[in-house]
Amino acid sequence: MKAIMVVGTTSHAGKSFLTAALCRILVRQGWRVAPFKGQNMALNAYVTPTGGEIGYAQAVQAWAAGVIPRIEMNPILLKPQGNMTSQVIIKGNAVGVVKATEYYEKYFDLGWEVIQESLYRLSIEFDLLVCEGAGSPAEINLKHRDLTNMRIAKHLNASTILVVDIERGGAFAHVVGTLELLEPEERALVKGVVINKFRGNKELLTSGIEWLQQRTGVPVLGVIPWHDQIFPAEDSLDLLERRIHQLNRELNIHVIRLPRIANFTDFDPLESEPTVSIKYIGLKDSLGHPDAVIIPGSKTTIADLLAMKKSGMAEQIQEYAAAGGTVLGICGGYQILGERIIDTEGLEGESGEFQGLGLLPVHTVVTANKIARQRQVISKFPQAGLPVDGYEIHQGRTRLLNYKNRDLTSEYRPVFDDTGLGLVDRSLSVWGCYLHGIFDNGPWRRSWLNHLRKQRGMASLPTGISNYREQREAVLNDLTNLVEANINLKPILPSHY
């Protein structure tokens, strides 16, 4: 099968970004393209139409290729949850929680079978696969059990691109060192180098590029300039590197950077709003006085709840809410806002019953069966009748508590027509919902922001806008144009047929 492989000298070199751009470039040239990442370790996940979990980056790459995301594009997803353990997702379904050494003993052979099966299925339907590696292909202590990088490149005989992040410094050393540590048959597959995230005058790189090409015999295919577009990230390391270019915005929203934050891609649509400033707040930071606080999803909700309490962030949020501040919890954040979380079997690592923040009258029971599904519902608040799409990924079952002689329906209302998906108090100050992708829905997002703006005495924003998918398309096109203008793909493209 025809394939291109993208590997990086380090994590966060730009593999996911480049893979997405290549998918769209090749589609523009008339190829039927599919992205592929054999094994991904990430807490940003997406649910396919069939209810399977894959890495969110592979969903974005599928959208870049103009196709529907499917489990074959990321057959193995590992979701770290602390204590050197990860939940293992194979072919979209959770199959267990294991330590790293146990994973390779138990799942390596099965994983390689699943990867080969997925590649075969994709090869039947598509002309060309654009495959993404993970981390570095030159981790010599891990290569014998690597399911993602050069094992796949060799299996496919794929023309391979090595991408390096020049902003980190030491880019030339990274390239030379990586190539030196590859086996001869692996190095022979590397057909070009891409230098990513360059700031400044390209002419200053000319001598370095000439030296690199002479030293390695591998051509530099292009130099990609630094860009400020927000591209969906795979893990929370990106949050530490992400710069704030949102000064002097009208609304300030703080997102709690939980130790095991998951699906923070939920907030990319908010970052695209020209009137909104998003700031990620660590547990030891001062919460301040933002217009709203969001508690995001978490892979291990109980552990993050305990960390919030230990750091004092839980108390800060409770005081903020008591003063009339707006708080929204999504998925694990919704569970944290409740009265208690019960995990009798220690499925998340911590067994027992734990008190939540007590801001919503719900309790959550963690169960073995995970819910992963796409949803289409109708909103009741902050504006009734809006169609809302999203997806659920959670193991907890959250229910309204029963209080004697107290009618909770007069104090709390369902956010959607499915009452199990979310709850809001009468003042529209404390929100909880299970729906990932909620802010992708443009009219609902604007309605929620307008509620915040009303509290500040600001004029409302128009709500008759498109959903975020159209903005995402524009971002993908802009990034693709940037890459296309600065890269030469001829050395790595197979001949068309």
Protein backbone atom coordinates (compact mmCIF):
# COMPACT_ATOMS: atom_id res chain seq x y z
CA MET A 1 0.00 0.00 0.00
CA LYS A 2 1.16 3.56 -0.67
CA ALA A 3 2.04 5.49 2.47
CA ILE A 4 3.92 8.49 3.85
CA MET A 5 5.27 8.37 7.40
CA VAL A 6 5.78 11.45 9.60
CA VAL A 7 8.13 11.04 12.56
CA GLY A 8 9.64 13.67 14.83
CA THR A 9 12.95 14.24 16.55
CA THR A 10 11.03 14.90 19.80
CA SER A 11 7.53 15.06 21.16
CA HIS A 12 5.69 18.22 20.07
CA ALA A 13 7.88 18.66 17.01
CA GLY A 14 4.74 19.13 14.91
CA LYS A 15 3.89 15.62 13.71
CA SER A 16 0.12 15.91 14.19
CA PHE A 17 0.02 19.34 12.59
CA LEU A 18 2.12 18.26 9.59
CA THR A 19 0.14 15.05 9.13
CA ALA A 20 -3.12 17.00 8.99
CA ALA A 21 -1.68 19.49 6.51
CA LEU A 22 -0.33 16.69 4.31
CA CYS A 23 -3.74 15.00 4.30
CA ARG A 24 -5.37 18.14 2.96
CA ILE A 25 -2.58 18.91 0.47
CA LEU A 26 -2.86 15.41 -0.98
CA VAL A 27 -6.65 15.57 -1.13
CA ARG A 28 -6.29 18.80 -3.12
CA GLN A 29 -4.08 16.87 -5.54
CA GLY A 30 -6.76 14.27 -6.09
CA TRP A 31 -5.68 11.47 -3.77
CA ARG A 32 -8.12 9.55 -1.57
CA VAL A 33 -6.30 9.90 1.75
CA ALA A 34 -6.66 8.53 5.27
CA PRO A 35 -4.60 9.40 8.37
CA PHE A 36 -3.21 6.68 10.62
CA LYS A 37 -1.52 6.45 14.00
CA GLY A 38 -1.02 2.91 15.18
CA GLN A 39 -0.69 3.67 18.88
CA ASN A 40 -1.41 6.97 20.53
CA MET A 41 -1.00 8.04 24.16
CA ALA A 42 -3.32 10.95 24.81
CA LEU A 43 -6.15 12.15 27.01
CA ASN A 44 -7.79 14.17 24.26
CA ALA A 45 -10.15 11.65 22.70
CA TYR A 46 -12.96 11.67 20.15
CA VAL A 47 -15.88 9.29 19.77
CA THR A 48 -16.54 8.00 16.26
CA PRO A 49 -20.06 7.48 14.88
CA THR A 50 -19.77 3.79 15.83
CA GLY A 51 -19.04 4.68 19.47
CA GLY A 52 -15.31 3.94 19.41
CA GLU A 53 -12.64 6.11 21.02
CA ILE A 54 -9.69 7.42 19.03
CA GLY A 55 -7.20 10.22 19.60
CA TYR A 56 -8.70 13.63 18.89
CA ALA A 57 -5.73 14.49 16.67
CA GLN A 58 -6.63 11.60 14.35
CA ALA A 59 -10.20 12.91 14.13
CA VAL A 60 -8.84 16.31 13.08
CA GLN A 61 -6.60 14.64 10.51
CA ALA A 62 -9.61 12.74 9.14
CA TRP A 63 -11.52 16.01 8.82
CA ALA A 64 -8.50 17.45 7.04
CA ALA A 65 -8.71 14.53 4.61
CA GLY A 66 -12.43 15.12 4.16
CA VAL A 67 -13.44 11.73 5.59
CA ILE A 68 -15.33 10.51 8.64
CA PRO A 69 -13.11 9.55 11.62
CA ARG A 70 -13.05 5.81 12.26
CA ILE A 71 -11.38 3.47 14.72
CA GLU A 72 -8.98 2.01 12.13
CA MET A 73 -7.24 5.40 11.98
CA ASN A 74 -6.06 4.95 15.59
CA PRO A 75 -6.55 1.29 16.58
CA ILE A 76 -4.70 1.61 19.92
CA LEU A 77 -5.24 4.50 22.33
CA LEU A 78 -3.54 4.61 25.73
CA LYS A 79 -5.03 7.01 28.29
CA PRO A 80 -2.63 7.63 31.21
CA GLN A 81 -4.29 7.75 34.60
CA GLY A 82 -1.44 8.03 37.10
CA ASN A 83 0.69 5.58 39.08
CA MET A 84 2.38 4.46 35.84
CA THR A 85 -0.87 2.93 34.58
CA SER A 86 -2.96 3.56 31.48
CA GLN A 87 -6.37 2.56 30.28
CA VAL A 88 -6.00 0.54 27.09
CA ILE A 89 -8.39 1.25 24.22
CA ILE A 90 -8.19 -1.27 21.36
CA LYS A 91 -10.34 -0.87 18.26
CA GLY A 92 -12.29 1.84 20.05
CA ASN A 93 -13.15 -0.12 23.20
CA ALA A 94 -11.63 -0.10 26.68
CA VAL A 95 -10.09 -3.50 27.42
CA GLY A 96 -8.28 -2.92 30.70
CA VAL A 97 -5.97 -0.84 32.88
CA VAL A 98 -2.33 -1.94 33.03
CA LYS A 99 1.15 -0.79 33.97
CA ALA A 100 3.64 -0.12 31.18
CA THR A 101 5.54 -3.39 31.59
CA GLU A 102 2.32 -5.38 31.77
CA TYR A 103 0.99 -3.66 28.68
CA TYR A 104 3.79 -4.85 26.45
CA GLU A 105 3.69 -8.35 27.91
CA LYS A 106 -0.07 -8.60 27.45
CA TYR A 107 -0.88 -6.46 24.43
CA PHE A 108 2.17 -6.12 22.19
CA ASP A 109 1.44 -9.08 19.90
CA LEU A 110 -2.29 -8.32 19.85
CA GLY A 111 -1.53 -4.67 19.20
CA TRP A 112 0.62 -5.43 16.17
CA GLU A 113 -2.11 -7.71 14.78
CA VAL A 114 -4.71 -4.99 15.23
CA ILE A 115 -2.44 -2.41 13.59
CA GLN A 116 -1.85 -4.61 10.55
CA GLU A 117 -5.56 -5.38 10.29
CA SER A 118 -6.43 -1.68 10.43
CA LEU A 119 -3.83 -0.81 7.79
CA TYR A 120 -5.24 -3.49 5.50
CA ARG A 121 -8.81 -2.23 5.91
CA LEU A 122 -7.77 1.34 5.17
CA SER A 123 -5.68 0.30 2.17
CA ILE A 124 -8.76 -1.21 0.53
CA GLU A 125 -10.61 2.11 0.55
CA PHE A 126 -7.87 4.72 0.17
CA ASP A 127 -5.10 5.50 -2.32
CA LEU A 128 -2.63 6.78 0.23
CA LEU A 129 -2.12 6.69 3.99
CA VAL A 130 -0.42 9.49 5.92
CA CYS A 131 0.91 7.88 9.07
CA GLU A 132 2.02 9.69 12.21
CA GLY A 133 4.66 8.45 14.60
CA ALA A 134 4.91 9.14 18.33
CA GLY A 135 7.63 10.81 20.35
CA SER A 136 10.95 9.97 18.67
CA PRO A 137 11.84 6.95 16.52
CA ALA A 138 15.31 6.92 18.08
CA GLU A 139 14.43 5.96 21.65
CA ILE A 140 16.86 3.05 21.66
CA ASN A 141 15.59 1.67 24.98
CA LEU A 142 12.05 1.45 23.60
CA LYS A 143 12.53 0.52 19.94
CA HIS A 144 12.12 -3.21 20.53
CA ARG A 145 8.53 -2.61 21.63
CA ASP A 146 7.68 0.41 19.47
CA LEU A 147 4.36 -0.05 17.67
CA THR A 148 4.19 3.43 16.20
CA ASN A 149 7.28 4.66 14.38
CA MET A 150 9.73 2.81 12.14
CA ARG A 151 8.12 -0.60 12.64
CA ILE A 152 5.13 0.75 10.72
CA ALA A 153 7.32 2.64 8.25
CA LYS A 154 9.20 -0.58 7.42
CA HIS A 155 5.99 -2.60 7.23
CA LEU A 156 4.60 -0.14 4.67
CA ASN A 157 7.93 0.70 3.01
CA ALA A 158 6.75 4.28 3.57
CA SER A 159 8.62 7.37 2.44
CA THR A 160 9.37 9.02 5.78
CA ILE A 161 9.58 12.68 6.77
CA LEU A 162 11.54 13.69 9.87
CA VAL A 163 10.17 16.88 11.41
CA VAL A 164 12.13 18.97 13.93
CA ASP A 165 11.03 21.87 16.14
CA ILE A 166 13.69 24.55 15.65
CA GLU A 167 12.24 26.78 18.37
CA ARG A 168 13.47 24.34 21.01
CA GLY A 169 17.06 24.92 19.96
CA GLY A 170 19.56 22.28 18.88
CA ALA A 171 17.56 21.41 15.77
CA PHE A 172 20.55 20.32 13.68
CA ALA A 173 21.85 18.13 16.48
CA HIS A 174 18.39 16.59 16.89
CA VAL A 175 18.23 15.69 13.21
CA VAL A 176 21.76 14.30 12.99
CA GLY A 177 21.40 12.40 16.27
CA THR A 178 18.08 10.87 15.28
CA LEU A 179 19.38 9.70 11.91
CA GLU A 180 22.54 8.28 13.50
CA LEU A 181 20.46 6.16 15.90
CA LEU A 182 18.26 4.65 13.20
CA GLU A 183 19.10 1.26 11.73
CA PRO A 184 20.39 1.42 8.13
CA GLU A 185 17.12 0.06 6.70
CA GLU A 186 15.18 2.62 8.76
CA ARG A 187 17.38 5.54 7.77
CA ALA A 188 17.02 4.57 4.11
CA LEU A 189 13.29 5.28 4.39
CA VAL A 190 13.85 8.89 5.54
CA LYS A 191 13.43 10.90 2.35
CA GLY A 192 13.37 14.38 3.80
CA VAL A 193 13.55 16.71 6.79
CA VAL A 194 11.05 19.44 7.66
CA ILE A 195 12.11 22.28 9.96
CA ASN A 196 9.09 23.50 11.91
CA LYS A 197 8.23 26.62 13.96
CA PHE A 198 10.89 28.90 12.48
CA ARG A 199 10.87 32.58 13.43
CA GLY A 200 12.87 35.16 11.52
CA ASN A 201 14.71 35.41 8.22
CA LYS A 202 14.99 32.08 6.38
CA GLU A 203 18.18 33.23 4.70
CA LEU A 204 19.91 32.88 8.05
CA LEU A 205 19.24 29.13 7.85
CA THR A 206 20.75 28.64 4.39
CA SER A 207 24.25 27.69 5.51
CA GLY A 208 22.90 25.38 8.19
CA ILE A 209 20.57 23.63 5.76
CA GLU A 210 23.38 23.15 3.24
CA TRP A 211 25.60 21.67 5.94
CA LEU A 212 22.79 19.38 7.17
CA GLN A 213 22.06 18.06 3.69
CA GLN A 214 25.73 17.44 2.99
CA ARG A 215 26.29 15.81 6.39
CA THR A 216 23.28 13.46 6.24
CA GLY A 217 22.52 13.10 2.55
CA VAL A 218 18.86 13.80 3.36
CA PRO A 219 17.21 16.81 1.69
CA VAL A 220 15.45 19.50 3.69
CA LEU A 221 11.96 19.56 2.18
CA GLY A 222 10.92 22.82 3.74
CA VAL A 223 10.98 25.33 6.57
CA ILE A 224 7.58 25.98 8.12
CA PRO A 225 7.24 29.46 9.67
CA TRP A 226 5.90 29.94 13.18
CA HIS A 227 2.13 30.43 13.23
CA ASP A 228 -0.32 31.57 15.89
CA GLN A 229 -3.20 29.35 14.83
CA ILE A 230 -4.48 27.06 17.58
CA PHE A 231 -4.11 23.45 16.45
CA PRO A 232 -5.71 20.75 18.63
CA ALA A 233 -3.09 19.29 20.95
CA GLU A 234 -2.65 15.68 22.04
CA ASP A 235 -1.73 16.24 25.69
CA SER A 236 -1.47 18.85 28.40
CA LEU A 237 2.20 19.64 27.75
CA ASP A 238 0.87 21.93 25.02
CA LEU A 239 -0.96 23.98 27.65
CA LEU A 240 2.32 24.81 29.35
CA GLU A 241 3.80 25.97 26.05
CA ARG A 242 0.72 27.75 24.74
CA ARG A 243 1.14 31.50 24.76
CA ILE A 244 -1.60 33.96 25.60
CA HIS A 245 -2.35 36.30 22.70
CA GLN A 246 -5.69 37.38 24.09
CA LEU A 247 -5.02 40.54 26.04
CA ASN A 248 -7.72 43.16 26.53
CA ARG A 249 -10.62 40.83 25.76
CA GLU A 250 -14.08 41.60 27.12
CA LEU A 251 -14.63 38.27 28.91
CA ASN A 252 -12.06 36.39 30.98
CA ILE A 253 -12.60 32.65 31.48
CA HIS A 254 -10.29 30.53 33.61
CA VAL A 255 -9.95 26.79 32.94
CA ILE A 256 -8.57 24.71 35.80
CA ARG A 257 -5.49 22.82 34.63
CA LEU A 258 -6.14 19.55 36.42
CA PRO A 259 -3.17 17.17 36.83
CA ARG A 260 -4.90 14.67 34.52
CA ILE A 261 -6.88 17.10 32.38
CA ALA A 262 -8.67 15.43 29.48
CA ASN A 263 -10.36 16.70 26.33
CA PHE A 264 -9.24 20.30 26.74
CA THR A 265 -9.82 20.57 22.99
CA ASP A 266 -13.35 21.36 24.19
CA PHE A 267 -12.14 24.93 24.67
CA ASP A 268 -10.58 25.59 21.27
CA PRO A 269 -13.88 27.17 20.10
CA LEU A 270 -13.80 29.57 23.05
CA GLU A 271 -10.23 30.54 22.20
CA SER A 272 -11.43 31.36 18.71
CA GLU A 273 -13.93 33.92 20.06
CA PRO A 274 -12.52 37.43 19.52
CA THR A 275 -14.07 38.77 22.74
CA VAL A 276 -12.95 35.95 25.03
CA SER A 277 -9.67 35.39 26.88
CA ILE A 278 -8.96 31.82 28.01
CA LYS A 279 -6.38 31.23 30.72
CA TYR A 280 -5.37 27.85 32.12
CA ILE A 281 -4.92 28.02 35.89
CA GLY A 282 -2.74 25.62 37.87
CA LEU A 283 -3.99 24.25 41.19
CA LYS A 284 -1.53 26.36 43.16
CA ASP A 285 -2.41 29.57 41.32
CA SER A 286 -4.78 32.25 42.52
CA LEU A 287 -8.18 31.84 40.91
CA GLY A 288 -8.73 35.56 40.70
CA HIS A 289 -12.04 37.10 39.62
CA PRO A 290 -12.81 35.86 36.11
CA ASP A 291 -16.20 36.03 34.42
CA ALA A 292 -16.43 32.23 34.54
CA VAL A 293 -14.48 29.21 35.78
CA ILE A 294 -14.48 25.90 33.93
CA ILE A 295 -13.55 22.57 35.50
CA PRO A 296 -12.69 20.35 32.52
CA GLY A 297 -12.73 16.61 32.02
CA SER A 298 -10.31 14.34 33.84
CA LYS A 299 -9.08 10.81 33.26
CA THR A 300 -9.00 10.22 37.04
CA THR A 301 -11.67 12.44 38.52
CA ILE A 302 -11.26 11.38 42.14
CA ALA A 303 -7.48 11.89 42.17
CA ASP A 304 -7.93 15.35 40.61
CA LEU A 305 -10.67 16.19 43.11
CA LEU A 306 -8.34 15.28 45.98
CA ALA A 307 -5.55 17.34 44.39
CA MET A 308 -7.91 20.32 44.14
CA LYS A 309 -8.76 20.01 47.82
CA LYS A 310 -5.14 19.62 48.92
CA SER A 311 -4.02 22.66 46.94
CA GLY A 312 -6.86 24.88 48.14
CA MET A 313 -8.29 25.32 44.63
CA ALA A 314 -11.49 23.54 45.66
CA GLU A 315 -12.07 26.09 48.41
CA GLN A 316 -11.29 28.96 46.04
CA ILE A 317 -13.92 27.72 43.59
CA GLN A 318 -16.49 27.24 46.36
CA GLU A 319 -15.90 30.80 47.57
CA TYR A 320 -16.06 32.10 44.00
CA ALA A 321 -19.41 30.37 43.45
CA ALA A 322 -20.77 31.59 46.80
CA ALA A 323 -19.98 35.14 45.69
CA GLY A 324 -22.11 34.66 42.57
CA GLY A 325 -19.45 33.56 40.09
CA THR A 326 -20.28 31.31 37.17
CA VAL A 327 -18.84 27.78 37.26
CA LEU A 328 -19.14 25.13 34.53
CA GLY A 329 -18.03 21.53 34.93
CA ILE A 330 -17.72 19.23 31.91
CA CYS A 331 -17.67 15.44 32.31
CA GLY A 332 -15.26 14.85 35.22
CA GLY A 333 -15.71 18.50 36.13
CA TYR A 334 -19.45 17.89 36.39
CA GLN A 335 -18.81 14.98 38.75
CA ILE A 336 -16.48 17.13 40.87
CA LEU A 337 -19.20 19.77 41.29
CA GLY A 338 -21.54 17.22 42.88
CA GLU A 339 -22.03 16.13 46.49
CA ARG A 340 -20.00 12.93 46.26
CA ILE A 341 -18.26 10.46 43.96
CA ILE A 342 -18.37 6.75 44.79
CA ASP A 343 -15.86 4.24 43.42
CA THR A 344 -16.19 1.08 45.50
CA GLU A 345 -13.96 -1.01 43.22
CA GLY A 346 -11.18 1.52 42.77
CA LEU A 347 -11.70 1.57 39.01
CA GLU A 348 -10.02 4.99 38.81
CA GLY A 349 -7.30 4.03 41.27
CA GLU A 350 -8.85 5.44 44.46
CA SER A 351 -11.55 3.29 46.09
CA GLY A 352 -14.16 4.67 48.46
CA GLU A 353 -16.64 7.53 48.72
CA PHE A 354 -15.40 11.10 48.30
CA GLN A 355 -17.07 14.43 48.95
CA GLY A 356 -17.27 16.71 45.94
CA LEU A 357 -17.49 20.49 45.94
CA GLY A 358 -21.19 20.35 46.81
CA LEU A 359 -22.23 22.93 44.20
CA LEU A 360 -24.75 20.67 42.46
CA PRO A 361 -27.14 18.19 44.17
CA VAL A 362 -25.88 15.11 42.34
CA HIS A 363 -23.84 12.05 43.15
CA THR A 364 -21.75 9.91 40.82
CA VAL A 365 -21.07 6.18 40.92
CA VAL A 366 -18.06 4.99 38.92
CA THR A 367 -18.85 1.78 37.02
CA ALA A 368 -16.83 -0.63 34.90
CA ASN A 369 -18.82 -0.02 31.73
CA LYS A 370 -17.76 3.11 29.91
CA ILE A 371 -20.23 5.28 28.02
CA ALA A 372 -18.79 6.47 24.70
CA ARG A 373 -21.28 7.77 22.15
CA GLN A 374 -22.16 10.71 19.98
CA ARG A 375 -25.21 12.72 20.97
CA GLN A 376 -27.70 15.10 19.34
CA VAL A 377 -29.92 16.92 21.83
CA ILE A 378 -31.96 20.12 22.19
CA SER A 379 -30.97 22.79 24.71
CA LYS A 380 -33.23 24.14 27.43
CA PHE A 381 -30.72 26.65 28.82
CA PRO A 382 -29.41 29.28 28.40
CA GLN A 383 -31.64 29.43 25.32
CA ALA A 384 -34.33 26.86 24.62
CA GLY A 385 -34.66 25.01 21.36
CA LEU A 386 -31.07 25.08 20.09
CA PRO A 387 -29.81 21.85 18.46
CA VAL A 388 -26.62 20.69 20.17
CA ASP A 389 -24.18 17.98 19.03
CA GLY A 390 -21.39 16.44 21.05
CA TYR A 391 -20.14 13.19 22.52
CA GLU A 392 -19.92 11.44 25.87
CA ILE A 393 -16.87 9.63 27.31
CA HIS A 394 -17.28 8.67 30.96
CA GLN A 395 -17.48 5.76 33.37
CA GLY A 396 -19.44 7.55 36.08
CA ARG A 397 -23.24 7.50 36.30
CA THR A 398 -24.50 10.78 37.75
CA ARG A 399 -27.91 11.07 39.39
CA LEU A 400 -29.90 13.81 41.13
CA LEU A 401 -29.98 13.32 44.90
CA ASN A 402 -33.28 12.78 46.66
CA TYR A 403 -34.01 15.27 49.45
CA LYS A 404 -37.04 14.93 51.70
CA ASN A 405 -39.44 17.88 51.62
CA ARG A 406 -37.39 19.68 48.98
CA ASP A 407 -38.41 20.16 45.37
CA LEU A 408 -35.12 20.34 43.49
CA THR A 409 -36.86 20.89 40.17
CA SER A 410 -37.68 24.44 41.25
CA GLU A 411 -34.02 25.14 42.01
CA TYR A 412 -32.21 23.11 39.35
CA ARG A 413 -33.11 22.47 35.72
CA PRO A 414 -31.81 20.14 33.00
CA VAL A 415 -29.56 21.86 30.47
CA PHE A 416 -30.84 19.65 27.62
CA ASP A 417 -33.93 17.66 26.74
CA ASP A 418 -32.03 14.58 27.97
CA THR A 419 -32.13 15.22 31.71
CA GLY A 420 -29.19 12.90 32.37
CA LEU A 421 -26.75 15.01 30.37
CA GLY A 422 -26.51 18.09 32.54
CA LEU A 423 -27.89 20.35 35.26
CA VAL A 424 -27.92 24.08 35.99
CA ASP A 425 -29.14 26.05 39.00
CA ARG A 426 -31.95 28.59 38.85
CA SER A 427 -29.61 31.58 38.64
CA LEU A 428 -27.67 29.97 35.74
CA SER A 429 -24.51 30.27 37.82
CA VAL A 430 -23.50 26.62 38.32
CA TRP A 431 -23.52 24.36 35.28
CA GLY A 432 -22.63 20.71 34.87
CA CYS A 433 -22.79 18.60 31.73
CA TYR A 434 -21.41 15.42 30.21
CA LEU A 435 -21.27 16.71 26.65
CA HIS A 436 -17.81 17.09 25.14
CA GLY A 437 -17.78 19.43 22.18
CA ILE A 438 -20.49 21.60 23.70
CA PHE A 439 -18.74 24.82 22.65
CA ASP A 440 -18.42 23.57 19.07
CA ASN A 441 -22.09 24.52 18.75
CA GLY A 442 -21.92 28.18 17.72
CA PRO A 443 -25.42 29.38 18.72
CA TRP A 444 -25.24 27.62 22.12
CA ARG A 445 -21.73 28.94 22.76
CA ARG A 446 -22.79 32.49 21.99
CA SER A 447 -25.91 32.14 24.16
CA TRP A 448 -23.77 31.01 27.09
CA LEU A 449 -21.31 33.85 26.53
CA ASN A 450 -24.19 36.32 26.27
CA HIS A 451 -25.34 35.25 29.73
CA LEU A 452 -21.89 36.23 31.02
CA ARG A 453 -21.97 39.46 29.05
CA LYS A 454 -25.38 40.37 30.50
CA GLN A 455 -23.93 40.07 33.99
CA ARG A 456 -21.27 42.60 32.97
CA GLY A 457 -23.79 44.92 31.34
CA MET A 458 -22.43 44.25 27.86
CA ALA A 459 -24.40 44.05 24.64
CA SER A 460 -25.23 40.58 23.36
CA LEU A 461 -23.29 38.95 20.54
CA PRO A 462 -25.14 37.59 17.48
CA THR A 463 -26.19 33.97 18.00
CA GLY A 464 -27.03 33.17 14.40
CA ILE A 465 -23.53 31.90 13.65
CA SER A 466 -22.16 28.68 12.23
CA ASN A 467 -20.74 25.88 14.32
CA TYR A 468 -17.04 25.63 15.05
CA ARG A 469 -16.50 23.02 12.35
CA GLU A 470 -16.56 25.82 9.77
CA GLN A 471 -13.94 27.79 11.72
CA ARG A 472 -11.91 24.60 12.06
CA GLU A 473 -12.10 24.15 8.30
CA ALA A 474 -10.80 27.67 7.82
CA VAL A 475 -7.93 26.99 10.25
CA LEU A 476 -7.07 23.75 8.45
CA ASN A 477 -7.08 25.54 5.12
CA ASP A 478 -4.87 28.34 6.44
CA LEU A 479 -2.38 25.90 7.96
CA THR A 480 -2.40 23.78 4.81
CA ASN A 481 -1.73 26.86 2.68
CA LEU A 482 1.18 27.74 4.96
CA VAL A 483 2.71 24.28 4.69
CA GLU A 484 2.01 23.94 0.96
CA ALA A 485 3.81 27.22 0.25
CA ASN A 486 6.89 26.15 2.21
CA ILE A 487 7.43 22.49 1.42
CA ASN A 488 8.51 20.39 -1.55
CA LEU A 489 6.77 17.01 -1.52
CA LYS A 490 8.14 15.65 -4.79
CA PRO A 491 10.93 13.61 -3.14
CA ILE A 492 8.44 11.70 -1.00
CA LEU A 493 5.32 11.38 -3.17
CA PRO A 494 4.65 8.09 -4.91
CA SER A 495 3.72 8.32 -8.56
CA HIS A 496 0.03 8.81 -9.21
CA TYR A 497 -1.88 6.12 -11.03
